[in-house]
Amino acid sequence: MGLTERIEIRLDEDVLQRVDEWMDRTEKAASRSDAIRQLVELGLNIATGKSINLTDGDKLNFMLLRDIAKHLKVDTETDLAYMSEVIYGGHYWAPNWEMQGLFHNHADRPADVSLVVDVLDMWSFVEEALESLSATDKEKVKAANYGHLPEFCGFDGNNESELMSIARFFVRDMKRFQRFKGRDLNSHSEQASGYRRMTKAFDPMRKTLSHRRQLSADQIIELLHVGHPKSGDYRA
């Protein structure tokens, strides 16, 4: 790709010295501007997960750990010989091709984690309360929910995959919210918007709840209507 735009930047002496040292050490750039272009691209590749970055200390530590593993005949999931060739050959792009589950640039957003926690917490209270309702009140909830008792069904695997993944990690890996253990947690339809409205309505209710005081049938119906006014159907 040809150069498209000229950008003027100012660097202090310390940064310029480090650029010069990089040029001398690598001999990959013909000028400071060429070096800066390469360093920007290198930094972007690392920041966006297109390549990994290992310091000299990282390389030495890996080789020492590799030698210890070989000596102790430790069976590892990581292909130590492959990673050694990556380091010796400078093929730092290669792990992103072969080990995409490890080398990626994804991180759960704190806002998503907070939403999932609030949703799992709310549905725990809802389902626990449903189990304690009288037969009459259960029928009342069913009538308001098109003939079905509501049940937490998770998040949409296509459009809310990050939220679904967080929920599954809480339940399956962290062993939290075990009420939902064994569920697929893929709702196959978008739920997040409705859940946000429900958790907002649930917040003042939660402050009044305890092991002795649970949600009433009317409160559950209110939450369902807030979350999905048209159908209110939250079956799994």
C-alpha atoms as a PDB file:
ATOM      1  CA  MET A   1       0.000   0.000   0.000  1.00  0.00           C
ATOM      2  CA  GLY A   2       1.419   3.388  -0.960  1.00  0.00           C
ATOM      3  CA  LEU A   3       1.877   6.251   1.455  1.00  0.00           C
ATOM      4  CA  THR A   4      -1.301   8.317   1.590  1.00  0.00           C
ATOM      5  CA  GLU A   5      -0.831  11.069   4.169  1.00  0.00           C
ATOM      6  CA  ARG A   6       2.004  13.079   5.639  1.00  0.00           C
ATOM      7  CA  ILE A   7       1.790  13.469   9.432  1.00  0.00           C
ATOM      8  CA  GLU A   8       4.017  15.749  11.443  1.00  0.00           C
ATOM      9  CA  ILE A   9       4.969  14.544  14.927  1.00  0.00           C
ATOM     10  CA  ARG A  10       7.340  15.804  17.599  1.00  0.00           C
ATOM     11  CA  LEU A  11       9.408  13.402  19.705  1.00  0.00           C
ATOM     12  CA  ASP A  12      11.658  14.154  22.647  1.00  0.00           C
ATOM     13  CA  GLU A  13      15.348  13.272  22.644  1.00  0.00           C
ATOM     14  CA  ASP A  14      14.894  10.135  24.715  1.00  0.00           C
ATOM     15  CA  VAL A  15      12.387   8.637  22.255  1.00  0.00           C
ATOM     16  CA  LEU A  16      14.547   9.620  19.281  1.00  0.00           C
ATOM     17  CA  GLN A  17      17.533   7.945  20.889  1.00  0.00           C
ATOM     18  CA  ARG A  18      15.549   4.764  21.379  1.00  0.00           C
ATOM     19  CA  VAL A  19      14.457   4.885  17.728  1.00  0.00           C
ATOM     20  CA  ASP A  20      18.103   5.295  16.675  1.00  0.00           C
ATOM     21  CA  GLU A  21      19.167   2.401  18.902  1.00  0.00           C
ATOM     22  CA  TRP A  22      16.459   0.217  17.362  1.00  0.00           C
ATOM     23  CA  MET A  23      17.688   1.144  13.888  1.00  0.00           C
ATOM     24  CA  ASP A  24      21.303   0.301  14.802  1.00  0.00           C
ATOM     25  CA  ARG A  25      20.382  -2.975  16.465  1.00  0.00           C
ATOM     26  CA  THR A  26      18.016  -4.286  13.798  1.00  0.00           C
ATOM     27  CA  GLU A  27      19.405  -2.606  10.666  1.00  0.00           C
ATOM     28  CA  LYS A  28      15.856  -2.725   9.256  1.00  0.00           C
ATOM     29  CA  ALA A  29      15.290   0.957   8.552  1.00  0.00           C
ATOM     30  CA  ALA A  30      16.964   3.366   6.156  1.00  0.00           C
ATOM     31  CA  SER A  31      15.901   6.513   8.029  1.00  0.00           C
ATOM     32  CA  ARG A  32      14.194   7.705  11.168  1.00  0.00           C
ATOM     33  CA  SER A  33      10.890   8.184   9.343  1.00  0.00           C
ATOM     34  CA  ASP A  34      11.134   4.641   7.952  1.00  0.00           C
ATOM     35  CA  ALA A  35      11.929   3.327  11.438  1.00  0.00           C
ATOM     36  CA  ILE A  36       8.958   5.140  12.972  1.00  0.00           C
ATOM     37  CA  ARG A  37       6.631   3.754  10.293  1.00  0.00           C
ATOM     38  CA  GLN A  38       7.842   0.234  11.020  1.00  0.00           C
ATOM     39  CA  LEU A  39       7.577   0.697  14.772  1.00  0.00           C
ATOM     40  CA  VAL A  40       4.038   2.038  14.471  1.00  0.00           C
ATOM     41  CA  GLU A  41       3.044  -0.988  12.372  1.00  0.00           C
ATOM     42  CA  LEU A  42       4.779  -3.344  14.824  1.00  0.00           C
ATOM     43  CA  GLY A  43       2.994  -1.730  17.751  1.00  0.00           C
ATOM     44  CA  LEU A  44      -0.374  -1.937  16.004  1.00  0.00           C
ATOM     45  CA  ASN A  45       0.151  -5.609  15.173  1.00  0.00           C
ATOM     46  CA  ILE A  46       0.879  -6.367  18.822  1.00  0.00           C
ATOM     47  CA  ALA A  47      -1.961  -4.200  20.123  1.00  0.00           C
ATOM     48  CA  THR A  48      -4.491  -5.791  17.766  1.00  0.00           C
ATOM     49  CA  GLY A  49      -3.292  -9.361  18.341  1.00  0.00           C
ATOM     50  CA  LYS A  50      -1.740  -9.938  14.923  1.00  0.00           C
ATOM     51  CA  SER A  51       1.641 -10.848  16.419  1.00  0.00           C
ATOM     52  CA  ILE A  52       3.182 -11.483  19.829  1.00  0.00           C
ATOM     53  CA  ASN A  53       6.018  -9.555  21.428  1.00  0.00           C
ATOM     54  CA  LEU A  54       8.727 -11.283  23.456  1.00  0.00           C
ATOM     55  CA  THR A  55      11.487  -9.503  25.313  1.00  0.00           C
ATOM     56  CA  ASP A  56      14.932 -11.045  25.574  1.00  0.00           C
ATOM     57  CA  GLY A  57      14.021 -12.027  29.135  1.00  0.00           C
ATOM     58  CA  ASP A  58      10.825 -13.718  27.902  1.00  0.00           C
ATOM     59  CA  LYS A  59      12.832 -15.723  25.378  1.00  0.00           C
ATOM     60  CA  LEU A  60      15.387 -16.814  27.967  1.00  0.00           C
ATOM     61  CA  ASN A  61      12.697 -17.783  30.477  1.00  0.00           C
ATOM     62  CA  PHE A  62      10.854 -19.827  27.876  1.00  0.00           C
ATOM     63  CA  MET A  63      13.987 -21.719  26.886  1.00  0.00           C
ATOM     64  CA  LEU A  64      14.834 -22.445  30.519  1.00  0.00           C
ATOM     65  CA  LEU A  65      11.302 -23.714  31.181  1.00  0.00           C
ATOM     66  CA  ARG A  66      11.455 -25.788  27.988  1.00  0.00           C
ATOM     67  CA  ASP A  67      14.702 -27.419  29.125  1.00  0.00           C
ATOM     68  CA  ILE A  68      13.241 -28.152  32.580  1.00  0.00           C
ATOM     69  CA  ALA A  69      10.091 -29.671  31.032  1.00  0.00           C
ATOM     70  CA  LYS A  70      12.162 -31.842  28.714  1.00  0.00           C
ATOM     71  CA  HIS A  71      14.410 -32.988  31.568  1.00  0.00           C
ATOM     72  CA  LEU A  72      11.447 -33.870  33.775  1.00  0.00           C
ATOM     73  CA  LYS A  73       9.595 -35.398  30.799  1.00  0.00           C
ATOM     74  CA  VAL A  74       6.578 -33.216  31.493  1.00  0.00           C
ATOM     75  CA  ASP A  75       3.702 -33.684  29.050  1.00  0.00           C
ATOM     76  CA  THR A  76       2.572 -30.197  27.995  1.00  0.00           C
ATOM     77  CA  GLU A  77      -0.290 -28.994  25.825  1.00  0.00           C
ATOM     78  CA  THR A  78       1.979 -26.371  24.279  1.00  0.00           C
ATOM     79  CA  ASP A  79       4.222 -27.586  21.468  1.00  0.00           C
ATOM     80  CA  LEU A  80       7.562 -26.577  22.964  1.00  0.00           C
ATOM     81  CA  ALA A  81       9.571 -27.479  19.852  1.00  0.00           C
ATOM     82  CA  TYR A  82       7.263 -25.357  17.700  1.00  0.00           C
ATOM     83  CA  MET A  83       7.539 -22.353  20.026  1.00  0.00           C
ATOM     84  CA  SER A  84      11.316 -22.748  20.085  1.00  0.00           C
ATOM     85  CA  GLU A  85      11.401 -22.476  16.307  1.00  0.00           C
ATOM     86  CA  VAL A  86       9.158 -19.411  16.512  1.00  0.00           C
ATOM     87  CA  ILE A  87      11.665 -17.740  18.811  1.00  0.00           C
ATOM     88  CA  TYR A  88      14.803 -18.837  16.957  1.00  0.00           C
ATOM     89  CA  GLY A  89      13.361 -17.831  13.602  1.00  0.00           C
ATOM     90  CA  GLY A  90      11.649 -14.648  14.741  1.00  0.00           C
ATOM     91  CA  HIS A  91       8.308 -15.932  13.409  1.00  0.00           C
ATOM     92  CA  TYR A  92       6.250 -14.054  15.979  1.00  0.00           C
ATOM     93  CA  TRP A  93       3.222 -13.960  13.697  1.00  0.00           C
ATOM     94  CA  ALA A  94       2.988 -17.755  13.628  1.00  0.00           C
ATOM     95  CA  PRO A  95       1.439 -18.435  17.083  1.00  0.00           C
ATOM     96  CA  ASN A  96      -1.545 -16.301  16.120  1.00  0.00           C
ATOM     97  CA  TRP A  97      -2.186 -18.715  13.242  1.00  0.00           C
ATOM     98  CA  GLU A  98      -1.687 -21.942  15.172  1.00  0.00           C
ATOM     99  CA  MET A  99      -2.956 -20.995  18.655  1.00  0.00           C
ATOM    100  CA  GLN A 100      -5.781 -18.568  18.056  1.00  0.00           C
ATOM    101  CA  GLY A 101      -7.493 -19.529  21.288  1.00  0.00           C
ATOM    102  CA  LEU A 102      -4.474 -18.247  23.237  1.00  0.00           C
ATOM    103  CA  PHE A 103      -3.210 -15.339  21.183  1.00  0.00           C
ATOM    104  CA  HIS A 104      -6.083 -12.976  20.614  1.00  0.00           C
ATOM    105  CA  ASN A 105      -6.966  -9.423  21.510  1.00  0.00           C
ATOM    106  CA  HIS A 106     -10.334 -10.050  23.127  1.00  0.00           C
ATOM    107  CA  ALA A 107     -11.124  -9.087  26.698  1.00  0.00           C
ATOM    108  CA  ASP A 108     -14.543  -9.056  28.336  1.00  0.00           C
ATOM    109  CA  ARG A 109     -15.890  -5.563  28.844  1.00  0.00           C
ATOM    110  CA  PRO A 110     -16.504  -4.711  32.521  1.00  0.00           C
ATOM    111  CA  ALA A 111     -19.964  -3.388  31.585  1.00  0.00           C
ATOM    112  CA  ASP A 112     -20.852  -6.767  30.044  1.00  0.00           C
ATOM    113  CA  VAL A 113     -19.640  -8.632  33.132  1.00  0.00           C
ATOM    114  CA  SER A 114     -21.718  -6.358  35.380  1.00  0.00           C
ATOM    115  CA  LEU A 115     -24.819  -6.911  33.246  1.00  0.00           C
ATOM    116  CA  VAL A 116     -24.428 -10.687  33.286  1.00  0.00           C
ATOM    117  CA  VAL A 117     -23.931 -10.732  37.074  1.00  0.00           C
ATOM    118  CA  ASP A 118     -27.036  -8.603  37.563  1.00  0.00           C
ATOM    119  CA  VAL A 119     -29.059 -10.826  35.237  1.00  0.00           C
ATOM    120  CA  LEU A 120     -27.924 -14.089  36.843  1.00  0.00           C
ATOM    121  CA  ASP A 121     -28.590 -12.668  40.288  1.00  0.00           C
ATOM    122  CA  MET A 122     -32.064 -11.450  39.332  1.00  0.00           C
ATOM    123  CA  TRP A 123     -33.086 -14.722  37.690  1.00  0.00           C
ATOM    124  CA  SER A 124     -31.833 -16.649  40.731  1.00  0.00           C
ATOM    125  CA  PHE A 125     -34.299 -14.708  42.864  1.00  0.00           C
ATOM    126  CA  VAL A 126     -37.081 -15.085  40.294  1.00  0.00           C
ATOM    127  CA  GLU A 127     -36.738 -18.859  39.964  1.00  0.00           C
ATOM    128  CA  GLU A 128     -36.314 -19.381  43.702  1.00  0.00           C
ATOM    129  CA  ALA A 129     -39.459 -17.369  44.337  1.00  0.00           C
ATOM    130  CA  LEU A 130     -41.379 -19.329  41.709  1.00  0.00           C
ATOM    131  CA  GLU A 131     -40.608 -22.570  43.498  1.00  0.00           C
ATOM    132  CA  SER A 132     -42.112 -21.195  46.712  1.00  0.00           C
ATOM    133  CA  LEU A 133     -45.294 -19.757  45.229  1.00  0.00           C
ATOM    134  CA  SER A 134     -48.615 -21.341  45.959  1.00  0.00           C
ATOM    135  CA  ALA A 135     -50.322 -23.282  43.199  1.00  0.00           C
ATOM    136  CA  THR A 136     -52.744 -20.394  42.744  1.00  0.00           C
ATOM    137  CA  ASP A 137     -49.954 -17.847  42.358  1.00  0.00           C
ATOM    138  CA  LYS A 138     -48.075 -20.101  39.932  1.00  0.00           C
ATOM    139  CA  GLU A 139     -51.157 -20.262  37.754  1.00  0.00           C
ATOM    140  CA  LYS A 140     -51.379 -16.486  37.989  1.00  0.00           C
ATOM    141  CA  VAL A 141     -47.825 -16.130  36.680  1.00  0.00           C
ATOM    142  CA  LYS A 142     -48.498 -18.674  33.939  1.00  0.00           C
ATOM    143  CA  ALA A 143     -51.583 -16.765  32.833  1.00  0.00           C
ATOM    144  CA  ALA A 144     -49.524 -13.587  32.568  1.00  0.00           C
ATOM    145  CA  ASN A 145     -46.766 -15.425  30.726  1.00  0.00           C
ATOM    146  CA  TYR A 146     -48.802 -17.162  28.013  1.00  0.00           C
ATOM    147  CA  GLY A 147     -49.277 -20.362  29.946  1.00  0.00           C
ATOM    148  CA  HIS A 148     -45.670 -21.004  30.994  1.00  0.00           C
ATOM    149  CA  LEU A 149     -43.634 -20.505  34.135  1.00  0.00           C
ATOM    150  CA  PRO A 150     -40.657 -18.284  33.227  1.00  0.00           C
ATOM    151  CA  GLU A 151     -37.138 -19.695  33.289  1.00  0.00           C
ATOM    152  CA  PHE A 152     -33.785 -18.097  32.578  1.00  0.00           C
ATOM    153  CA  CYS A 153     -32.774 -19.053  29.049  1.00  0.00           C
ATOM    154  CA  GLY A 154     -29.450 -17.229  28.657  1.00  0.00           C
ATOM    155  CA  PHE A 155     -28.336 -14.936  25.855  1.00  0.00           C
ATOM    156  CA  ASP A 156     -28.421 -15.127  22.076  1.00  0.00           C
ATOM    157  CA  GLY A 157     -25.450 -17.113  20.764  1.00  0.00           C
ATOM    158  CA  ASN A 158     -25.368 -15.167  17.500  1.00  0.00           C
ATOM    159  CA  ASN A 159     -25.837 -11.563  18.562  1.00  0.00           C
ATOM    160  CA  GLU A 160     -24.966 -11.696  22.264  1.00  0.00           C
ATOM    161  CA  SER A 161     -22.160 -14.248  22.176  1.00  0.00           C
ATOM    162  CA  GLU A 162     -19.916 -12.252  24.530  1.00  0.00           C
ATOM    163  CA  LEU A 163     -22.651 -12.131  27.160  1.00  0.00           C
ATOM    164  CA  MET A 164     -23.435 -15.824  26.696  1.00  0.00           C
ATOM    165  CA  SER A 165     -19.748 -16.687  27.050  1.00  0.00           C
ATOM    166  CA  ILE A 166     -19.466 -14.710  30.292  1.00  0.00           C
ATOM    167  CA  ALA A 167     -22.577 -16.380  31.705  1.00  0.00           C
ATOM    168  CA  ARG A 168     -21.257 -19.832  30.817  1.00  0.00           C
ATOM    169  CA  PHE A 169     -17.886 -19.032  32.387  1.00  0.00           C
ATOM    170  CA  PHE A 170     -19.560 -17.964  35.637  1.00  0.00           C
ATOM    171  CA  VAL A 171     -21.660 -21.121  35.799  1.00  0.00           C
ATOM    172  CA  ARG A 172     -19.411 -23.788  34.299  1.00  0.00           C
ATOM    173  CA  ASP A 173     -15.897 -22.669  35.203  1.00  0.00           C
ATOM    174  CA  MET A 174     -16.288 -20.478  38.284  1.00  0.00           C
ATOM    175  CA  LYS A 175     -19.074 -22.679  39.731  1.00  0.00           C
ATOM    176  CA  ARG A 176     -21.198 -19.631  40.542  1.00  0.00           C
ATOM    177  CA  PHE A 177     -24.978 -19.405  40.140  1.00  0.00           C
ATOM    178  CA  GLN A 178     -25.218 -23.194  40.160  1.00  0.00           C
ATOM    179  CA  ARG A 179     -28.983 -23.042  39.797  1.00  0.00           C
ATOM    180  CA  PHE A 180     -28.272 -22.723  36.077  1.00  0.00           C
ATOM    181  CA  LYS A 181     -25.782 -25.594  35.906  1.00  0.00           C
ATOM    182  CA  GLY A 182     -26.374 -27.887  32.931  1.00  0.00           C
ATOM    183  CA  ARG A 183     -28.285 -25.318  30.894  1.00  0.00           C
ATOM    184  CA  ASP A 184     -27.107 -24.402  27.438  1.00  0.00           C
ATOM    185  CA  LEU A 185     -27.617 -20.671  28.138  1.00  0.00           C
ATOM    186  CA  ASN A 186     -28.135 -20.001  24.419  1.00  0.00           C
ATOM    187  CA  SER A 187     -31.524 -18.333  24.134  1.00  0.00           C
ATOM    188  CA  HIS A 188     -31.445 -18.273  20.302  1.00  0.00           C
ATOM    189  CA  SER A 189     -33.064 -14.849  20.461  1.00  0.00           C
ATOM    190  CA  GLU A 190     -31.826 -11.484  21.709  1.00  0.00           C
ATOM    191  CA  GLN A 191     -32.508 -10.903  25.384  1.00  0.00           C
ATOM    192  CA  ALA A 192     -30.057  -8.240  26.602  1.00  0.00           C
ATOM    193  CA  SER A 193     -32.298  -5.208  26.094  1.00  0.00           C
ATOM    194  CA  GLY A 194     -35.149  -6.820  27.995  1.00  0.00           C
ATOM    195  CA  TYR A 195     -32.814  -7.986  30.743  1.00  0.00           C
ATOM    196  CA  ARG A 196     -31.495  -4.449  31.180  1.00  0.00           C
ATOM    197  CA  ARG A 197     -35.003  -3.159  31.742  1.00  0.00           C
ATOM    198  CA  MET A 198     -35.753  -6.022  34.099  1.00  0.00           C
ATOM    199  CA  THR A 199     -32.640  -5.523  36.247  1.00  0.00           C
ATOM    200  CA  LYS A 200     -33.389  -1.813  36.497  1.00  0.00           C
ATOM    201  CA  ALA A 201     -36.877  -2.601  37.782  1.00  0.00           C
ATOM    202  CA  PHE A 202     -35.540  -5.389  40.010  1.00  0.00           C
ATOM    203  CA  ASP A 203     -32.963  -3.221  41.800  1.00  0.00           C
ATOM    204  CA  PRO A 204     -35.396  -1.541  44.229  1.00  0.00           C
ATOM    205  CA  MET A 205     -37.168  -4.869  44.771  1.00  0.00           C
ATOM    206  CA  ARG A 206     -33.929  -6.637  45.645  1.00  0.00           C
ATOM    207  CA  LYS A 207     -33.214  -4.252  48.494  1.00  0.00           C
ATOM    208  CA  THR A 208     -36.297  -5.554  50.280  1.00  0.00           C
ATOM    209  CA  LEU A 209     -35.580  -9.257  49.777  1.00  0.00           C
ATOM    210  CA  SER A 210     -34.004 -11.743  52.180  1.00  0.00           C
ATOM    211  CA  HIS A 211     -34.080 -15.475  52.880  1.00  0.00           C
ATOM    212  CA  ARG A 212     -37.459 -14.879  54.518  1.00  0.00           C
ATOM    213  CA  ARG A 213     -38.920 -12.411  52.033  1.00  0.00           C
ATOM    214  CA  GLN A 214     -39.062 -13.429  48.384  1.00  0.00           C
ATOM    215  CA  LEU A 215     -40.505 -11.944  45.232  1.00  0.00           C
ATOM    216  CA  SER A 216     -44.263 -12.075  44.981  1.00  0.00           C
ATOM    217  CA  ALA A 217     -46.211 -13.296  41.984  1.00  0.00           C
ATOM    218  CA  ASP A 218     -47.150  -9.703  41.158  1.00  0.00           C
ATOM    219  CA  GLN A 219     -43.501  -8.601  41.258  1.00  0.00           C
ATOM    220  CA  ILE A 220     -42.448 -11.436  38.966  1.00  0.00           C
ATOM    221  CA  ILE A 221     -45.215 -10.539  36.535  1.00  0.00           C
ATOM    222  CA  GLU A 222     -44.108  -6.902  36.646  1.00  0.00           C
ATOM    223  CA  LEU A 223     -40.525  -7.884  35.800  1.00  0.00           C
ATOM    224  CA  LEU A 224     -41.648 -10.038  32.893  1.00  0.00           C
ATOM    225  CA  HIS A 225     -43.797  -7.287  31.462  1.00  0.00           C
ATOM    226  CA  VAL A 226     -40.999  -4.742  31.829  1.00  0.00           C
ATOM    227  CA  GLY A 227     -38.544  -7.046  30.135  1.00  0.00           C
ATOM    228  CA  HIS A 228     -40.725  -8.182  27.281  1.00  0.00           C
ATOM    229  CA  PRO A 229     -44.078  -6.373  27.243  1.00  0.00           C
ATOM    230  CA  LYS A 230     -45.361  -8.101  24.114  1.00  0.00           C
ATOM    231  CA  SER A 231     -44.872 -11.765  24.880  1.00  0.00           C
ATOM    232  CA  GLY A 232     -43.321 -12.061  28.326  1.00  0.00           C
ATOM    233  CA  ASP A 233     -42.128 -15.495  27.296  1.00  0.00           C
ATOM    234  CA  TYR A 234     -38.803 -16.313  28.972  1.00  0.00           C
ATOM    235  CA  ARG A 235     -38.776 -20.053  28.622  1.00  0.00           C
ATOM    236  CA  ALA A 236     -35.480 -21.782  27.963  1.00  0.00           C
END
